[in-house]
């Protein structure tokens, strides 16, 4: 019987070597595991309550903990949980990337933890980001992580799969963020609830790995448990550039694989768009917005903070000045270093933007750019629910591409006119 990519990867990681199909529930052993502040906030206490003395060695060896949400000493609580994470990971030989190293979903693939054919489980909903590497990547809960640490495996439901085929050439000034927002606007947040999404098509093939990550990252904003991209030489070249040895096992769907729905989209019809308050699927073309004055622009998050994004921002801000408070946060320390080498940071600061260390920052309402009541912000992040970046139901957060955000910083209102 034919299988989708998800069914094949989950079958390959079945503890009992089962051939899995949608609707099955199977025990699986992941290739790699990702965690963040969820580890010290919830999982460690649950782990200790079980009486367990150690983390399974094969989980510890392939687990990476990244302290990205809390920032440096933002609250006493974060100081305490970060120290707890440091002690626990040291005691159990788990690799830790400390505060400032970067955002989980930027650092994790940089280090080679996301590879084709991998089953990746992480205590963050945007773990789906790593499906860009032809992997099955799914967010799990704190209790699931405890089960993994103690038993070495956990269970997953094998999902149905929706297929999205995107063909056609992107118009000028349109990017992968515009594509995923547009499709989210058309299909809505519940279209792929508890399903996987597979992506195919010439447009996807033309995208860089960074652009693909932007799309896979927001699969969860369609309700999906995974957002999987095809394997090609771009994936291979990326993982060959990482410190971890290439262990790729590319996976392709069978020609007669069973999909719940197939959605075809013509990329040539796209234009710059934004998600307007208060949902990532409440999407409108920038040209139809009118004049939306901004109090703040936030360029960062696991969705759009990689060097490709900063390159776009730098081209637009060069020899210009921002008219609104503009915060730019790199996705990792290595991205920040590369931005310095290329002269982007000088461009940002000469334009009047604020450059910060790498952290999730304002995205989830943590630190560095929280909005307050009555404030209006444009963000390159992935969610704009009420309170997502702080504030209350009078606060408004719009989502857009780095190009739209950079151009809007110059004008002070949401606009895409004049973009490179």
Protein backbone atom coordinates (compact mmCIF):
# COMPACT_ATOMS: atom_id res chain seq x y z
CA UNK A 1 0.00 0.00 0.00
CA UNK A 2 1.35 3.45 -1.00
CA UNK A 3 2.57 5.88 1.65
CA UNK A 4 3.03 9.61 2.14
CA UNK A 5 6.32 11.04 3.43
CA UNK A 6 4.89 11.21 6.96
CA UNK A 7 3.80 7.57 6.89
CA UNK A 8 7.22 6.47 5.64
CA UNK A 9 9.23 8.45 8.20
CA UNK A 10 7.05 7.33 11.10
CA UNK A 11 7.28 3.74 9.88
CA UNK A 12 11.08 4.04 9.78
CA UNK A 13 11.08 5.18 13.41
CA UNK A 14 8.56 2.67 14.73
CA UNK A 15 9.86 0.90 17.83
CA UNK A 16 8.17 -2.30 16.67
CA UNK A 17 9.12 -1.85 12.99
CA UNK A 18 5.49 -1.41 11.99
CA UNK A 19 4.40 -0.16 8.57
CA UNK A 20 2.32 2.84 9.54
CA UNK A 21 -0.64 4.47 7.85
CA UNK A 22 -2.82 7.42 8.75
CA UNK A 23 -5.07 6.62 11.68
CA UNK A 24 -2.54 4.32 13.34
CA UNK A 25 -1.06 5.00 16.77
CA UNK A 26 2.52 3.82 17.08
CA UNK A 27 5.46 4.00 19.45
CA UNK A 28 8.37 5.87 17.91
CA UNK A 29 11.96 6.67 18.75
CA UNK A 30 13.00 10.12 17.43
CA UNK A 31 16.24 10.92 15.63
CA UNK A 32 16.73 14.16 17.53
CA UNK A 33 14.93 16.01 20.33
CA UNK A 34 14.61 19.76 20.89
CA UNK A 35 13.60 21.57 24.04
CA UNK A 36 13.67 25.08 25.45
CA UNK A 37 12.40 26.65 28.68
CA UNK A 38 9.66 24.02 28.71
CA UNK A 39 12.29 21.64 30.12
CA UNK A 40 12.93 23.51 33.39
CA UNK A 41 9.45 25.03 33.65
CA UNK A 42 7.55 21.72 33.60
CA UNK A 43 9.44 18.63 32.43
CA UNK A 44 12.20 18.49 35.04
CA UNK A 45 9.73 18.51 37.94
CA UNK A 46 7.68 15.75 36.29
CA UNK A 47 10.85 13.77 35.60
CA UNK A 48 11.94 13.96 39.26
CA UNK A 49 8.45 13.03 40.47
CA UNK A 50 8.75 9.70 38.67
CA UNK A 51 11.84 8.81 40.69
CA UNK A 52 13.91 8.40 37.52
CA UNK A 53 17.65 8.74 38.08
CA UNK A 54 18.94 9.33 34.58
CA UNK A 55 17.91 10.25 31.05
CA UNK A 56 18.11 7.46 28.47
CA UNK A 57 21.56 7.79 26.91
CA UNK A 58 20.36 7.65 23.29
CA UNK A 59 17.92 10.50 23.99
CA UNK A 60 20.49 12.57 25.91
CA UNK A 61 23.05 12.14 23.12
CA UNK A 62 20.63 13.43 20.47
CA UNK A 63 18.90 16.14 22.49
CA UNK A 64 19.55 19.87 22.28
CA UNK A 65 18.19 22.38 24.80
CA UNK A 66 18.19 26.04 23.73
CA UNK A 67 17.31 28.81 26.19
CA UNK A 68 15.75 31.25 23.75
CA UNK A 69 12.50 32.54 25.27
CA UNK A 70 13.51 34.19 28.50
CA UNK A 71 16.30 36.58 27.66
CA UNK A 72 19.02 37.67 30.06
CA UNK A 73 17.69 38.00 33.61
CA UNK A 74 14.33 39.40 32.53
CA UNK A 75 12.59 38.16 35.70
CA UNK A 76 13.60 36.27 38.82
CA UNK A 77 11.56 33.34 37.53
CA UNK A 78 13.57 33.13 34.31
CA UNK A 79 16.85 33.42 36.21
CA UNK A 80 15.81 30.44 38.34
CA UNK A 81 14.53 28.22 35.53
CA UNK A 82 17.58 28.92 33.38
CA UNK A 83 19.87 27.87 36.21
CA UNK A 84 17.76 24.75 36.74
CA UNK A 85 18.14 23.90 33.04
CA UNK A 86 21.91 24.37 33.23
CA UNK A 87 22.21 22.01 36.20
CA UNK A 88 19.92 19.33 34.78
CA UNK A 89 21.53 19.25 31.34
CA UNK A 90 25.01 19.16 32.89
CA UNK A 91 24.04 16.29 35.20
CA UNK A 92 22.51 14.24 32.37
CA UNK A 93 25.04 15.00 29.60
CA UNK A 94 22.54 16.90 27.45
CA UNK A 95 23.85 19.60 25.15
CA UNK A 96 22.73 23.11 26.13
CA UNK A 97 22.85 26.34 24.12
CA UNK A 98 22.61 29.14 26.65
CA UNK A 99 20.81 32.47 26.50
CA UNK A 100 21.97 34.55 23.55
CA UNK A 101 23.05 31.62 21.38
CA UNK A 102 19.94 32.01 19.32
CA UNK A 103 16.38 30.96 18.59
CA UNK A 104 15.70 27.22 18.71
CA UNK A 105 14.44 26.86 15.16
CA UNK A 106 17.40 28.76 13.73
CA UNK A 107 20.16 27.17 15.83
CA UNK A 108 18.85 23.58 15.60
CA UNK A 109 19.29 23.27 11.79
CA UNK A 110 22.48 25.36 11.82
CA UNK A 111 24.08 22.64 13.94
CA UNK A 112 22.80 19.81 11.72
CA UNK A 113 20.13 18.39 14.04
CA UNK A 114 17.55 18.53 11.21
CA UNK A 115 18.25 16.14 8.34
CA UNK A 116 16.25 14.34 5.65
CA UNK A 117 14.30 11.35 6.88
CA UNK A 118 14.64 12.36 10.53
CA UNK A 119 11.85 12.18 13.08
CA UNK A 120 12.28 15.34 15.16
CA UNK A 121 10.26 16.00 18.30
CA UNK A 122 10.40 19.26 20.21
CA UNK A 123 8.63 21.00 23.09
CA UNK A 124 7.62 23.96 20.96
CA UNK A 125 4.78 24.18 18.46
CA UNK A 126 7.04 25.65 15.78
CA UNK A 127 9.20 22.52 15.75
CA UNK A 128 7.34 21.99 12.44
CA UNK A 129 9.95 24.44 11.07
CA UNK A 130 12.36 21.56 10.52
CA UNK A 131 10.11 19.84 8.02
CA UNK A 132 11.91 22.09 5.53
CA UNK A 133 14.70 19.50 5.60
CA UNK A 134 12.51 16.65 4.30
CA UNK A 135 12.01 15.57 7.92
CA UNK A 136 8.95 14.83 10.03
CA UNK A 137 9.11 17.43 12.80
CA UNK A 138 6.34 17.75 15.38
CA UNK A 139 5.76 19.67 18.59
CA UNK A 140 5.11 17.65 21.73
CA UNK A 141 4.11 18.41 25.31
CA UNK A 142 6.21 18.53 28.46
CA UNK A 143 4.91 15.13 29.62
CA UNK A 144 5.82 13.59 26.26
CA UNK A 145 9.37 14.83 26.77
CA UNK A 146 9.48 13.17 30.19
CA UNK A 147 8.34 9.89 28.63
CA UNK A 148 11.09 10.20 26.02
CA UNK A 149 13.75 10.89 28.62
CA UNK A 150 12.74 7.90 30.75
CA UNK A 151 11.65 5.30 28.18
CA UNK A 152 13.55 6.42 25.09
CA UNK A 153 10.41 6.49 22.99
CA UNK A 154 6.88 7.89 22.92
CA UNK A 155 3.72 7.42 20.89
CA UNK A 156 2.36 9.44 17.99
CA UNK A 157 -0.82 9.35 15.96
CA UNK A 158 -0.03 8.89 12.26
CA UNK A 159 -1.71 11.85 10.55
CA UNK A 160 -3.64 12.26 7.34
CA UNK A 161 -1.76 14.45 4.87
CA UNK A 162 -2.75 17.45 2.78
CA UNK A 163 -0.68 18.17 -0.33
CA UNK A 164 0.02 21.74 -1.48
CA UNK A 165 1.50 22.16 -4.96
CA UNK A 166 2.84 25.63 -5.75
CA UNK A 167 3.97 26.51 -9.26
CA UNK A 168 4.73 29.72 -11.08
CA UNK A 169 7.22 32.56 -10.64
CA UNK A 170 6.88 34.96 -7.75
CA UNK A 171 6.23 38.57 -8.80
CA UNK A 172 8.76 41.23 -7.82
CA UNK A 173 8.80 42.19 -4.14
CA UNK A 174 6.94 39.03 -3.11
CA UNK A 175 8.48 36.44 -0.78
CA UNK A 176 7.81 33.10 0.86
CA UNK A 177 6.17 34.86 3.82
CA UNK A 178 3.63 36.35 1.44
CA UNK A 179 2.98 32.87 0.05
CA UNK A 180 2.35 31.17 3.38
CA UNK A 181 0.22 34.04 4.68
CA UNK A 182 -1.86 34.05 1.49
CA UNK A 183 -2.45 30.31 1.64
CA UNK A 184 -3.29 30.55 5.34
CA UNK A 185 -5.78 33.25 4.45
CA UNK A 186 -7.43 31.07 1.83
CA UNK A 187 -7.44 27.74 3.70
CA UNK A 188 -7.73 29.09 7.29
CA UNK A 189 -6.20 27.85 10.53
CA UNK A 190 -8.29 24.70 10.85
CA UNK A 191 -7.71 23.34 7.34
CA UNK A 192 -4.98 20.91 8.38
CA UNK A 193 -5.83 20.36 12.03
CA UNK A 194 -3.94 17.29 13.26
CA UNK A 195 -2.77 16.57 9.70
CA UNK A 196 0.61 16.81 8.00
CA UNK A 197 1.26 19.03 5.00
CA UNK A 198 3.53 18.09 2.12
CA UNK A 199 4.78 20.75 -0.27
CA UNK A 200 5.66 20.27 -3.93
CA UNK A 201 6.07 22.36 -7.09
CA UNK A 202 8.47 24.49 -9.08
CA UNK A 203 8.07 27.49 -6.76
CA UNK A 204 9.10 25.42 -3.77
CA UNK A 205 12.09 24.07 -5.70
CA UNK A 206 13.18 27.63 -6.49
CA UNK A 207 13.10 28.69 -2.84
CA UNK A 208 16.21 28.62 -0.68
CA UNK A 209 16.22 26.51 2.49
CA UNK A 210 15.70 29.69 4.50
CA UNK A 211 12.60 30.58 2.49
CA UNK A 212 11.29 27.02 2.87
CA UNK A 213 11.77 27.20 6.63
CA UNK A 214 9.53 30.27 6.72
CA UNK A 215 6.77 28.19 5.14
CA UNK A 216 7.26 25.02 7.18
CA UNK A 217 7.47 27.15 10.32
CA UNK A 218 3.89 28.31 9.86
CA UNK A 219 2.39 24.88 9.13
CA UNK A 220 1.12 24.92 12.70
CA UNK A 221 -0.79 28.12 11.85
CA UNK A 222 -2.82 25.87 9.54
CA UNK A 223 -3.35 23.46 12.42
CA UNK A 224 -0.84 20.98 11.02
CA UNK A 225 1.42 18.71 13.06
CA UNK A 226 4.11 18.72 10.34
CA UNK A 227 5.03 20.71 7.23
CA UNK A 228 7.33 18.68 5.00
CA UNK A 229 9.36 19.92 2.04
CA UNK A 230 10.85 17.77 -0.75
CA UNK A 231 14.47 16.66 -0.79
CA UNK A 232 16.84 18.16 -3.38
CA UNK A 233 20.43 19.35 -3.75
CA UNK A 234 19.65 22.54 -1.80
CA UNK A 235 18.82 20.46 1.24
CA UNK A 236 21.92 18.34 0.76
CA UNK A 237 24.17 21.38 0.34
CA UNK A 238 22.78 22.98 3.49
CA UNK A 239 23.29 19.97 5.73
CA UNK A 240 26.76 19.43 4.29
CA UNK A 241 27.62 22.90 5.58
CA UNK A 242 26.67 22.03 9.17
CA UNK A 243 29.00 20.63 11.86
CA UNK A 244 27.08 17.36 12.13
CA UNK A 245 28.02 14.62 9.68
CA UNK A 246 25.56 14.17 6.82
CA UNK A 247 23.24 11.35 7.85
CA UNK A 248 20.47 12.11 5.40
CA UNK A 249 17.95 9.49 4.38
CA UNK A 250 15.80 11.31 1.79
CA UNK A 251 12.16 10.30 1.70
CA UNK A 252 9.80 10.68 -1.24
CA UNK A 253 6.06 10.01 -1.35
CA UNK A 254 4.76 7.14 -3.41
CA UNK A 255 3.15 8.24 -6.67
CA UNK A 256 -0.24 6.93 -5.59
CA UNK A 257 0.01 8.10 -1.96
CA UNK A 258 -3.33 8.89 -0.38
CA UNK A 259 -3.87 12.59 0.41
CA UNK A 260 -6.84 14.07 2.24
CA UNK A 261 -6.84 17.06 -0.07
CA UNK A 262 -4.66 18.40 -2.86
CA UNK A 263 -4.46 22.19 -3.20
CA UNK A 264 -2.88 23.77 -6.27
CA UNK A 265 -1.69 27.38 -6.08
CA UNK A 266 -0.32 29.73 -8.74
CA UNK A 267 2.49 31.78 -7.21
CA UNK A 268 2.41 34.31 -10.07
CA UNK A 269 -0.87 35.68 -8.67
CA UNK A 270 0.69 36.72 -5.35
CA UNK A 271 1.18 40.25 -4.03
CA UNK A 272 2.60 41.55 -0.73
CA UNK A 273 0.16 40.76 2.08
CA UNK A 274 -0.19 41.10 5.82
CA UNK A 275 -2.19 39.23 8.43
CA UNK A 276 -4.30 41.78 10.22
CA UNK A 277 -5.41 41.56 13.88
CA UNK A 278 -6.04 39.18 15.46
CA UNK A 279 -5.26 36.01 13.52
CA UNK A 280 -2.56 34.68 11.13
CA UNK A 281 -5.30 33.68 8.67
CA UNK A 282 -6.95 37.11 8.58
CA UNK A 283 -4.99 38.16 5.50
CA UNK A 284 -5.27 41.16 3.18
CA UNK A 285 -3.12 42.60 0.37
CA UNK A 286 -1.08 45.56 1.56
CA UNK A 287 -2.60 47.58 -1.29
CA UNK A 288 -6.06 47.26 0.30
CA UNK A 289 -5.13 48.34 3.83
CA UNK A 290 -5.28 52.09 3.58
CA UNK A 291 -3.09 54.05 5.98
CA UNK A 292 -2.16 52.00 9.03
CA UNK A 293 0.14 54.05 11.25
CA UNK A 294 2.65 52.10 13.31
CA UNK A 295 4.14 52.50 16.78
CA UNK A 296 6.68 49.72 16.38
CA UNK A 297 8.20 47.29 13.91
CA UNK A 298 9.70 44.00 15.08
CA UNK A 299 11.91 42.09 12.66
CA UNK A 300 12.94 38.74 14.09
CA UNK A 301 11.47 35.47 15.44
CA UNK A 302 12.01 31.89 14.28
CA UNK A 303 10.06 32.71 11.12
CA UNK A 304 12.15 35.50 9.59
CA UNK A 305 15.44 36.21 11.35
CA UNK A 306 17.96 34.37 9.18
CA UNK A 307 20.73 35.96 7.14
CA UNK A 308 18.61 35.92 3.97
CA UNK A 309 15.96 37.95 5.80
CA UNK A 310 18.54 40.42 7.11
CA UNK A 311 19.95 40.80 3.61
CA UNK A 312 16.52 41.88 2.34
CA UNK A 313 16.10 44.31 5.24
CA UNK A 314 19.57 45.78 4.70
CA UNK A 315 18.97 46.42 0.99
CA UNK A 316 15.82 48.37 1.80
CA UNK A 317 17.13 50.33 4.80
CA UNK A 318 20.43 51.29 3.18
CA UNK A 319 20.71 55.09 2.86
CA UNK A 320 17.29 55.51 4.50
CA UNK A 321 16.03 56.44 7.96
CA UNK A 322 13.27 54.74 9.91
CA UNK A 323 10.28 56.82 11.02
CA UNK A 324 9.05 54.42 13.70
CA UNK A 325 10.69 52.45 16.49
CA UNK A 326 12.30 49.50 14.70
CA UNK A 327 13.80 46.49 16.44
CA UNK A 328 15.90 43.94 14.53
CA UNK A 329 16.86 40.68 16.25
CA UNK A 330 19.06 38.06 14.52
CA UNK A 331 18.05 34.40 14.69
CA UNK A 332 21.33 33.21 16.16
CA UNK A 333 24.74 34.38 17.25
CA UNK A 334 26.18 33.03 13.99
CA UNK A 335 23.60 34.98 11.98
CA UNK A 336 24.52 38.08 13.98
CA UNK A 337 28.22 37.57 13.27
CA UNK A 338 27.57 37.12 9.56
CA UNK A 339 25.44 40.28 9.54
CA UNK A 340 28.34 42.18 11.12
CA UNK A 341 30.77 40.82 8.52
CA UNK A 342 28.51 41.85 5.65
CA UNK A 343 28.00 45.36 7.01
CA UNK A 344 24.30 44.93 7.64
CA UNK A 345 24.44 45.97 11.29
CA UNK A 346 26.04 49.28 10.34
CA UNK A 347 23.23 49.84 7.83
CA UNK A 348 20.59 49.05 10.44
CA UNK A 349 22.02 51.35 13.05
CA UNK A 350 22.71 54.19 10.62
CA UNK A 351 19.05 53.91 9.63
CA UNK A 352 18.06 54.39 13.26
CA UNK A 353 16.99 50.81 13.97
CA UNK A 354 17.73 49.01 17.24
CA UNK A 355 19.97 45.92 16.99
CA UNK A 356 19.83 43.33 19.76
CA UNK A 357 21.24 39.99 20.85
CA UNK A 358 19.51 36.85 19.60
CA UNK A 359 16.35 35.83 21.44
CA UNK A 360 12.67 35.15 20.74
CA UNK A 361 12.09 38.63 22.10
CA UNK A 362 8.72 40.25 21.47
CA UNK A 363 7.30 37.36 19.45
CA UNK A 364 5.61 35.62 22.38
CA UNK A 365 5.37 38.70 24.57
CA UNK A 366 8.53 37.95 26.50
CA UNK A 367 10.95 40.83 26.24
CA UNK A 368 12.55 43.32 23.83
CA UNK A 369 9.62 44.89 22.04
CA UNK A 370 6.46 44.04 23.95
CA UNK A 371 3.59 46.25 22.89
CA UNK A 372 1.19 48.04 25.24
CA UNK A 373 -2.47 49.05 25.13
CA UNK A 374 -3.55 51.00 22.05
CA UNK A 375 -0.23 50.30 20.30
CA UNK A 376 0.02 49.07 16.70
CA UNK A 377 2.93 46.92 15.56
CA UNK A 378 4.07 45.18 12.40
CA UNK A 379 6.02 41.97 13.00
CA UNK A 380 7.78 39.34 10.88
CA UNK A 381 6.78 36.68 13.42
CA UNK A 382 4.12 33.99 13.04
CA UNK A 383 1.23 34.85 15.36
CA UNK A 384 -0.79 37.96 16.14
CA UNK A 385 -3.37 36.72 18.63
CA UNK A 386 -4.56 39.09 21.35
CA UNK A 387 -1.78 39.43 23.93
CA UNK A 388 0.74 37.52 21.81
CA UNK A 389 3.27 40.39 21.96
CA UNK A 390 1.91 41.86 25.16
CA UNK A 391 -0.73 44.54 25.50
CA UNK A 392 -4.45 43.79 25.55
CA UNK A 393 -7.38 43.61 23.16
CA UNK A 394 -6.76 47.23 22.15
CA UNK A 395 -3.25 46.37 20.94
CA UNK A 396 -2.92 45.51 17.25
CA UNK A 397 -0.25 43.30 15.67
CA UNK A 398 0.09 42.83 11.92
CA UNK A 399 2.27 40.13 10.33
CA UNK A 400 4.27 40.60 7.15
CA UNK A 401 7.46 39.77 5.28
CA UNK A 402 10.84 41.31 6.12
CA UNK A 403 10.55 43.40 2.94
CA UNK A 404 7.17 44.81 3.95
CA UNK A 405 8.42 45.44 7.49
CA UNK A 406 11.56 47.24 6.30
CA UNK A 407 9.71 49.42 3.82
CA UNK A 408 7.07 50.22 6.45
CA UNK A 409 9.81 51.27 8.86
CA UNK A 410 10.85 53.93 6.37
CA UNK A 411 7.33 55.25 5.74
CA UNK A 412 5.89 54.80 9.24
CA UNK A 413 2.79 53.11 7.82
CA UNK A 414 2.25 49.61 6.46
CA UNK A 415 3.36 49.73 2.84
CA UNK A 416 5.15 47.66 0.24
CA UNK A 417 5.57 50.41 -2.38
CA UNK A 418 9.10 51.01 -3.62
CA UNK A 419 10.47 47.72 -2.30
CA UNK A 420 13.77 46.90 -4.03
